[in-house]
């Protein structure tokens, strides 16, 4: 879209549904993380598009289920990838996505057997009813 001068952006976040505790190896992705896209159509506004949803869940020919519809089930953490994170002094690290707990270290060595355990829990309240 951007290559054709159409404003577009990625919405990175997690689904508004709980997951069971899932161990993730460093560099792996815990469940419930997702990225959707939007493009801006003049006179309409931001139009949601979920290409991975269409490819993974919809095998019908010419279906527009994942185009122009937003189920409201994604908690967006940030828009577009690419961050520069200042650690200390002049030391910085780059990160593409900030959707889960992570750690960064200064010095030498490698993370070889690290595990991050997540337990993403979404609790419905009277102000935020269950979306699905």
N, C-alpha and C. Protein backbone atom coordinates (compact mmCIF):
# COMPACT_ATOMS: atom_id res chain seq x y z
N UNK A 1 0.82 -1.18 0.00
CA UNK A 1 0.00 0.00 0.00
C UNK A 1 0.87 1.26 0.00
N UNK A 2 1.86 1.27 0.89
CA UNK A 2 2.72 2.45 0.97
C UNK A 2 3.52 2.65 -0.31
N UNK A 3 3.91 1.56 -0.95
CA UNK A 3 4.65 1.67 -2.20
C UNK A 3 3.82 2.35 -3.28
N UNK A 4 2.50 2.30 -3.13
CA UNK A 4 1.59 2.95 -4.07
C UNK A 4 1.01 4.25 -3.50
N UNK A 5 1.71 4.80 -2.50
CA UNK A 5 1.38 6.08 -1.87
C UNK A 5 0.02 6.08 -1.19
N UNK A 6 -0.37 4.93 -0.67
CA UNK A 6 -1.60 4.82 0.12
C UNK A 6 -1.17 4.68 1.58
N UNK A 7 -1.61 5.58 2.45
CA UNK A 7 -1.21 5.47 3.86
C UNK A 7 -1.64 4.12 4.44
N UNK A 8 -0.73 3.46 5.10
CA UNK A 8 -1.01 2.15 5.69
C UNK A 8 -0.20 2.01 6.97
N UNK A 9 -0.68 1.14 7.86
CA UNK A 9 0.03 0.91 9.12
C UNK A 9 -0.26 -0.49 9.64
N UNK A 10 0.64 -0.97 10.50
CA UNK A 10 0.48 -2.25 11.18
C UNK A 10 0.04 -1.99 12.61
N UNK A 11 -0.88 -2.79 13.11
CA UNK A 11 -1.34 -2.71 14.49
C UNK A 11 -0.85 -3.97 15.21
N UNK A 12 0.08 -3.81 16.13
CA UNK A 12 0.67 -4.95 16.83
C UNK A 12 0.08 -5.05 18.23
N UNK A 13 -0.33 -6.25 18.61
CA UNK A 13 -0.88 -6.43 19.93
C UNK A 13 -1.16 -7.89 20.25
N UNK A 14 -2.15 -8.09 21.09
CA UNK A 14 -2.54 -9.44 21.50
C UNK A 14 -4.06 -9.52 21.48
N UNK A 15 -4.56 -10.73 21.20
CA UNK A 15 -6.00 -10.94 21.20
C UNK A 15 -6.58 -10.73 22.60
N UNK A 16 -7.80 -10.23 22.67
CA UNK A 16 -8.48 -9.98 23.94
C UNK A 16 -9.15 -11.25 24.45
N UNK A 17 -8.44 -12.34 24.42
CA UNK A 17 -8.86 -13.63 24.95
C UNK A 17 -7.71 -14.18 25.77
N UNK A 18 -8.03 -14.86 26.85
CA UNK A 18 -6.99 -15.44 27.69
C UNK A 18 -6.33 -16.63 26.99
N UNK A 19 -5.11 -16.90 27.40
CA UNK A 19 -4.39 -18.08 26.93
C UNK A 19 -3.99 -18.90 28.15
N UNK A 20 -3.66 -20.14 27.92
CA UNK A 20 -3.07 -20.90 29.01
C UNK A 20 -1.59 -20.54 29.07
N UNK A 21 -0.95 -20.81 30.20
CA UNK A 21 0.47 -20.48 30.35
C UNK A 21 1.26 -21.26 29.29
N UNK A 22 1.99 -20.54 28.46
CA UNK A 22 2.72 -21.16 27.35
C UNK A 22 4.18 -20.75 27.47
N UNK A 23 5.12 -21.70 27.66
CA UNK A 23 6.52 -21.31 27.67
C UNK A 23 6.98 -20.95 26.26
N UNK A 24 7.75 -19.90 26.14
CA UNK A 24 8.27 -19.49 24.84
C UNK A 24 9.78 -19.40 24.92
N UNK A 25 10.45 -20.08 24.03
CA UNK A 25 11.91 -19.95 23.95
C UNK A 25 12.24 -18.54 23.51
N UNK A 26 13.41 -18.09 23.89
CA UNK A 26 13.82 -16.75 23.48
C UNK A 26 13.81 -16.70 21.95
N UNK A 27 13.18 -15.67 21.43
CA UNK A 27 13.03 -15.54 19.99
C UNK A 27 11.73 -16.15 19.50
N UNK A 28 11.04 -16.91 20.34
CA UNK A 28 9.76 -17.50 19.98
C UNK A 28 8.64 -16.54 20.31
N UNK A 29 7.44 -16.89 19.91
CA UNK A 29 6.30 -16.01 20.15
C UNK A 29 5.24 -16.72 20.97
N UNK A 30 4.91 -16.19 22.16
CA UNK A 30 3.81 -16.76 22.92
C UNK A 30 2.50 -16.60 22.16
N UNK A 31 1.50 -17.39 22.50
CA UNK A 31 0.20 -17.31 21.83
C UNK A 31 -0.47 -15.98 22.06
N UNK A 32 -1.51 -15.72 21.31
CA UNK A 32 -2.34 -14.53 21.38
C UNK A 32 -1.71 -13.29 20.76
N UNK A 33 -0.45 -13.33 20.33
CA UNK A 33 0.14 -12.18 19.64
C UNK A 33 -0.38 -12.15 18.22
N UNK A 34 -0.62 -10.94 17.72
CA UNK A 34 -1.13 -10.82 16.35
C UNK A 34 -0.82 -9.43 15.81
N UNK A 35 -0.74 -9.33 14.51
CA UNK A 35 -0.56 -8.05 13.83
C UNK A 35 -1.59 -7.96 12.72
N UNK A 36 -2.30 -6.87 12.72
CA UNK A 36 -3.26 -6.58 11.64
C UNK A 36 -2.78 -5.34 10.91
N UNK A 37 -3.42 -5.05 9.79
CA UNK A 37 -3.06 -3.87 9.01
C UNK A 37 -4.28 -2.97 8.84
N UNK A 38 -4.01 -1.73 8.51
CA UNK A 38 -5.05 -0.78 8.13
C UNK A 38 -4.50 0.09 7.01
N UNK A 39 -5.38 0.53 6.11
CA UNK A 39 -4.99 1.53 5.13
C UNK A 39 -6.01 2.66 5.19
N UNK A 40 -5.58 3.84 4.77
CA UNK A 40 -6.45 5.00 4.85
C UNK A 40 -7.09 5.27 3.50
N UNK A 41 -8.42 5.25 3.49
CA UNK A 41 -9.18 5.56 2.27
C UNK A 41 -9.86 6.92 2.47
N UNK A 42 -9.55 7.84 1.59
CA UNK A 42 -10.10 9.20 1.68
C UNK A 42 -11.64 9.13 1.67
N UNK A 43 -12.24 9.83 2.60
CA UNK A 43 -13.70 9.84 2.69
C UNK A 43 -14.26 8.68 3.50
N UNK A 44 -13.41 7.70 3.83
CA UNK A 44 -13.86 6.53 4.59
C UNK A 44 -13.16 6.49 5.94
N UNK A 45 -11.83 6.66 5.92
CA UNK A 45 -11.02 6.55 7.13
C UNK A 45 -10.15 5.32 7.08
N UNK A 46 -9.70 4.86 8.24
CA UNK A 46 -8.83 3.69 8.32
C UNK A 46 -9.64 2.42 8.11
N UNK A 47 -9.24 1.62 7.12
CA UNK A 47 -9.94 0.38 6.77
C UNK A 47 -9.12 -0.80 7.27
N UNK A 48 -9.70 -1.66 8.14
CA UNK A 48 -8.96 -2.81 8.66
C UNK A 48 -8.81 -3.93 7.64
N UNK A 49 -7.64 -4.57 7.67
CA UNK A 49 -7.34 -5.71 6.81
C UNK A 49 -6.55 -6.71 7.64
N UNK A 50 -6.93 -7.98 7.57
CA UNK A 50 -6.22 -9.02 8.32
C UNK A 50 -5.79 -10.11 7.34
N UNK A 51 -4.66 -9.91 6.64
CA UNK A 51 -4.24 -10.89 5.63
C UNK A 51 -4.02 -12.28 6.21
N UNK A 52 -3.39 -12.38 7.39
CA UNK A 52 -3.13 -13.72 7.93
C UNK A 52 -4.43 -14.41 8.33
N UNK A 53 -5.41 -13.66 8.82
CA UNK A 53 -6.70 -14.26 9.13
C UNK A 53 -7.36 -14.82 7.89
N UNK A 54 -7.29 -14.08 6.80
CA UNK A 54 -7.88 -14.55 5.54
C UNK A 54 -7.20 -15.79 5.01
N UNK A 55 -5.88 -15.83 5.10
CA UNK A 55 -5.13 -16.98 4.59
C UNK A 55 -5.32 -18.20 5.49
N UNK A 56 -5.29 -17.98 6.79
CA UNK A 56 -5.35 -19.10 7.73
C UNK A 56 -6.76 -19.64 7.96
N UNK A 57 -7.77 -18.76 7.98
CA UNK A 57 -9.09 -19.19 8.41
C UNK A 57 -10.18 -19.19 7.34
N UNK A 58 -9.94 -18.59 6.20
CA UNK A 58 -11.01 -18.45 5.21
C UNK A 58 -10.57 -19.01 3.87
N UNK A 59 -11.10 -20.15 3.50
CA UNK A 59 -10.70 -20.80 2.25
C UNK A 59 -11.70 -20.55 1.11
N UNK A 60 -12.70 -19.68 1.35
CA UNK A 60 -13.69 -19.40 0.31
C UNK A 60 -13.10 -18.46 -0.75
N UNK A 61 -13.47 -18.67 -1.97
CA UNK A 61 -13.03 -17.82 -3.07
C UNK A 61 -13.76 -16.47 -2.99
N UNK A 62 -13.04 -15.40 -3.17
CA UNK A 62 -13.59 -14.04 -3.22
C UNK A 62 -14.26 -13.61 -1.92
N UNK A 63 -13.83 -14.13 -0.80
CA UNK A 63 -14.40 -13.73 0.49
C UNK A 63 -13.77 -12.43 0.97
N UNK A 64 -14.59 -11.56 1.51
CA UNK A 64 -14.10 -10.29 2.06
C UNK A 64 -14.25 -10.24 3.59
N UNK A 65 -14.35 -11.41 4.22
CA UNK A 65 -14.52 -11.47 5.66
C UNK A 65 -13.41 -10.75 6.40
N UNK A 66 -12.20 -10.81 5.91
CA UNK A 66 -11.04 -10.25 6.61
C UNK A 66 -10.63 -8.90 6.03
N UNK A 67 -11.50 -8.30 5.26
CA UNK A 67 -11.25 -7.00 4.63
C UNK A 67 -12.38 -6.05 5.01
N UNK A 68 -12.05 -4.97 5.71
CA UNK A 68 -13.06 -3.97 6.04
C UNK A 68 -13.87 -4.29 7.29
N UNK A 69 -13.54 -5.37 7.97
CA UNK A 69 -14.25 -5.76 9.20
C UNK A 69 -13.25 -5.86 10.34
N UNK A 70 -13.63 -5.33 11.49
CA UNK A 70 -12.78 -5.43 12.68
C UNK A 70 -13.65 -5.97 13.81
N UNK A 71 -13.29 -7.14 14.31
CA UNK A 71 -14.06 -7.78 15.38
C UNK A 71 -13.88 -7.08 16.73
N UNK A 72 -12.94 -6.16 16.83
CA UNK A 72 -12.70 -5.46 18.08
C UNK A 72 -12.06 -6.35 19.13
N UNK A 73 -11.34 -7.38 18.69
CA UNK A 73 -10.78 -8.35 19.63
C UNK A 73 -9.26 -8.28 19.74
N UNK A 74 -8.66 -7.18 19.28
CA UNK A 74 -7.21 -7.02 19.36
C UNK A 74 -6.88 -5.83 20.26
N UNK A 75 -6.10 -6.08 21.31
CA UNK A 75 -5.61 -5.00 22.16
C UNK A 75 -4.31 -4.53 21.53
N UNK A 76 -4.31 -3.33 20.98
CA UNK A 76 -3.16 -2.81 20.23
C UNK A 76 -2.15 -2.20 21.19
N UNK A 77 -0.90 -2.67 21.09
CA UNK A 77 0.19 -2.16 21.92
C UNK A 77 0.97 -1.05 21.22
N UNK A 78 1.12 -1.18 19.92
CA UNK A 78 1.82 -0.13 19.18
C UNK A 78 1.49 -0.23 17.70
N UNK A 79 1.81 0.87 16.99
CA UNK A 79 1.57 0.95 15.55
C UNK A 79 2.91 0.91 14.84
N UNK A 80 3.04 0.02 13.87
CA UNK A 80 4.23 -0.17 13.04
C UNK A 80 5.43 -0.70 13.84
N UNK A 81 6.26 -1.50 13.19
CA UNK A 81 7.42 -2.09 13.85
C UNK A 81 8.62 -1.15 13.87
N UNK A 82 9.59 -1.52 14.69
CA UNK A 82 10.86 -0.81 14.68
C UNK A 82 11.00 0.19 15.81
N UNK A 83 11.77 -0.18 16.81
CA UNK A 83 12.02 0.69 17.95
C UNK A 83 13.50 0.71 18.23
N UNK A 84 13.97 1.83 18.74
CA UNK A 84 15.32 1.93 19.27
C UNK A 84 15.15 2.15 20.76
N UNK A 85 15.71 1.25 21.56
CA UNK A 85 15.55 1.28 23.00
C UNK A 85 16.88 1.66 23.64
N UNK A 86 16.88 2.74 24.40
CA UNK A 86 18.09 3.18 25.08
C UNK A 86 18.22 2.40 26.38
N UNK A 87 19.34 1.68 26.55
CA UNK A 87 19.55 0.88 27.75
C UNK A 87 20.28 1.67 28.83
N UNK A 88 21.45 2.17 28.52
CA UNK A 88 22.20 3.02 29.45
C UNK A 88 23.30 3.70 28.66
N UNK A 89 23.61 4.92 29.07
CA UNK A 89 24.63 5.67 28.34
C UNK A 89 24.27 5.78 26.87
N UNK A 90 25.23 5.41 26.03
CA UNK A 90 24.99 5.44 24.59
C UNK A 90 24.58 4.08 24.04
N UNK A 91 24.36 3.10 24.90
CA UNK A 91 24.02 1.75 24.47
C UNK A 91 22.54 1.66 24.10
N UNK A 92 22.29 1.23 22.88
CA UNK A 92 20.92 1.07 22.39
C UNK A 92 20.75 -0.30 21.77
N UNK A 93 19.52 -0.79 21.74
CA UNK A 93 19.16 -2.03 21.06
C UNK A 93 17.94 -1.75 20.21
N UNK A 94 17.81 -2.50 19.14
CA UNK A 94 16.65 -2.36 18.27
C UNK A 94 15.71 -3.54 18.51
N UNK A 95 14.43 -3.27 18.40
CA UNK A 95 13.41 -4.31 18.53
C UNK A 95 12.33 -4.03 17.50
N UNK A 96 11.86 -5.06 16.85
CA UNK A 96 10.80 -4.89 15.85
C UNK A 96 9.42 -4.78 16.51
N UNK A 97 9.17 -5.65 17.48
CA UNK A 97 7.84 -5.73 18.08
C UNK A 97 7.94 -5.72 19.59
N UNK A 98 6.97 -5.10 20.26
CA UNK A 98 6.90 -5.09 21.72
C UNK A 98 5.53 -5.62 22.13
N UNK A 99 5.37 -6.94 22.06
CA UNK A 99 4.08 -7.55 22.35
C UNK A 99 4.10 -8.48 23.56
N UNK A 100 5.27 -8.70 24.13
CA UNK A 100 5.38 -9.65 25.23
C UNK A 100 6.57 -9.27 26.11
N UNK A 101 6.64 -9.84 27.30
CA UNK A 101 7.82 -9.60 28.15
C UNK A 101 9.10 -10.01 27.43
N UNK A 102 10.15 -9.26 27.67
CA UNK A 102 11.43 -9.57 27.04
C UNK A 102 12.54 -9.02 27.93
N UNK A 103 13.75 -9.45 27.67
CA UNK A 103 14.89 -8.87 28.37
C UNK A 103 16.00 -8.57 27.38
N UNK A 104 16.80 -7.62 27.75
CA UNK A 104 17.97 -7.25 26.96
C UNK A 104 19.13 -7.16 27.92
N UNK A 105 20.31 -7.50 27.46
CA UNK A 105 21.48 -7.49 28.34
C UNK A 105 22.64 -6.77 27.66
N UNK A 106 23.54 -6.28 28.48
CA UNK A 106 24.75 -5.64 28.00
C UNK A 106 25.92 -6.58 28.29
N UNK A 107 26.89 -6.62 27.41
CA UNK A 107 28.06 -7.44 27.65
C UNK A 107 28.21 -8.53 26.61
N UNK A 108 28.92 -9.58 26.99
CA UNK A 108 29.14 -10.67 26.04
C UNK A 108 28.42 -11.92 26.51
N UNK A 109 28.36 -12.91 25.64
CA UNK A 109 27.67 -14.16 25.96
C UNK A 109 26.42 -14.30 25.14
N UNK A 110 25.68 -15.36 25.42
CA UNK A 110 24.48 -15.64 24.65
C UNK A 110 23.40 -16.18 25.57
N UNK A 111 22.16 -15.90 25.23
CA UNK A 111 21.03 -16.54 25.89
C UNK A 111 20.84 -17.88 25.19
N UNK A 112 21.05 -18.97 25.89
CA UNK A 112 20.94 -20.26 25.22
C UNK A 112 19.70 -21.04 25.61
N UNK A 113 19.38 -21.10 26.89
CA UNK A 113 18.24 -21.90 27.32
C UNK A 113 17.21 -21.06 28.06
N UNK A 114 17.13 -19.79 27.76
CA UNK A 114 16.19 -18.93 28.45
C UNK A 114 14.75 -19.24 28.08
N UNK A 115 13.88 -19.11 29.04
CA UNK A 115 12.45 -19.32 28.82
C UNK A 115 11.70 -18.16 29.45
N UNK A 116 10.75 -17.62 28.71
CA UNK A 116 9.86 -16.60 29.25
C UNK A 116 8.50 -17.27 29.38
N UNK A 117 7.95 -17.28 30.58
CA UNK A 117 6.65 -17.91 30.81
C UNK A 117 5.59 -16.81 30.87
N UNK A 118 4.62 -16.87 29.98
CA UNK A 118 3.56 -15.87 29.98
C UNK A 118 2.25 -16.51 30.41
N UNK A 119 1.40 -15.69 30.94
CA UNK A 119 0.06 -16.13 31.30
C UNK A 119 -0.87 -14.96 31.03
N UNK A 120 -1.20 -14.76 29.77
CA UNK A 120 -2.02 -13.65 29.32
C UNK A 120 -3.46 -13.95 29.73
N UNK A 121 -3.99 -13.15 30.67
CA UNK A 121 -5.34 -13.37 31.18
C UNK A 121 -6.17 -12.12 30.93
N UNK A 122 -7.30 -12.29 30.27
CA UNK A 122 -8.23 -11.21 30.03
C UNK A 122 -9.49 -11.52 30.82
N UNK A 123 -9.87 -10.62 31.71
CA UNK A 123 -11.03 -10.82 32.57
C UNK A 123 -12.14 -9.86 32.17
N UNK A 124 -13.27 -10.37 31.71
CA UNK A 124 -14.39 -9.47 31.37
C UNK A 124 -14.91 -8.76 32.62
N UNK A 125 -15.29 -7.50 32.46
CA UNK A 125 -15.89 -6.72 33.53
C UNK A 125 -17.17 -6.11 32.97
N UNK A 126 -18.01 -5.52 33.83
CA UNK A 126 -19.22 -4.88 33.30
C UNK A 126 -18.92 -3.78 32.29
N UNK A 127 -17.74 -3.15 32.41
CA UNK A 127 -17.37 -2.09 31.46
C UNK A 127 -16.77 -2.64 30.18
N UNK A 128 -16.28 -3.88 30.21
CA UNK A 128 -15.64 -4.48 29.03
C UNK A 128 -16.17 -5.89 28.84
N UNK A 129 -17.35 -6.04 28.23
CA UNK A 129 -17.92 -7.38 28.05
C UNK A 129 -17.09 -8.21 27.09
N UNK A 130 -17.19 -9.51 27.23
CA UNK A 130 -16.45 -10.44 26.38
C UNK A 130 -16.79 -10.18 24.92
N UNK A 131 -15.74 -10.10 24.07
CA UNK A 131 -15.93 -9.73 22.66
C UNK A 131 -16.41 -10.90 21.80
N UNK A 132 -16.02 -12.11 22.14
CA UNK A 132 -16.39 -13.25 21.29
C UNK A 132 -17.33 -14.17 22.01
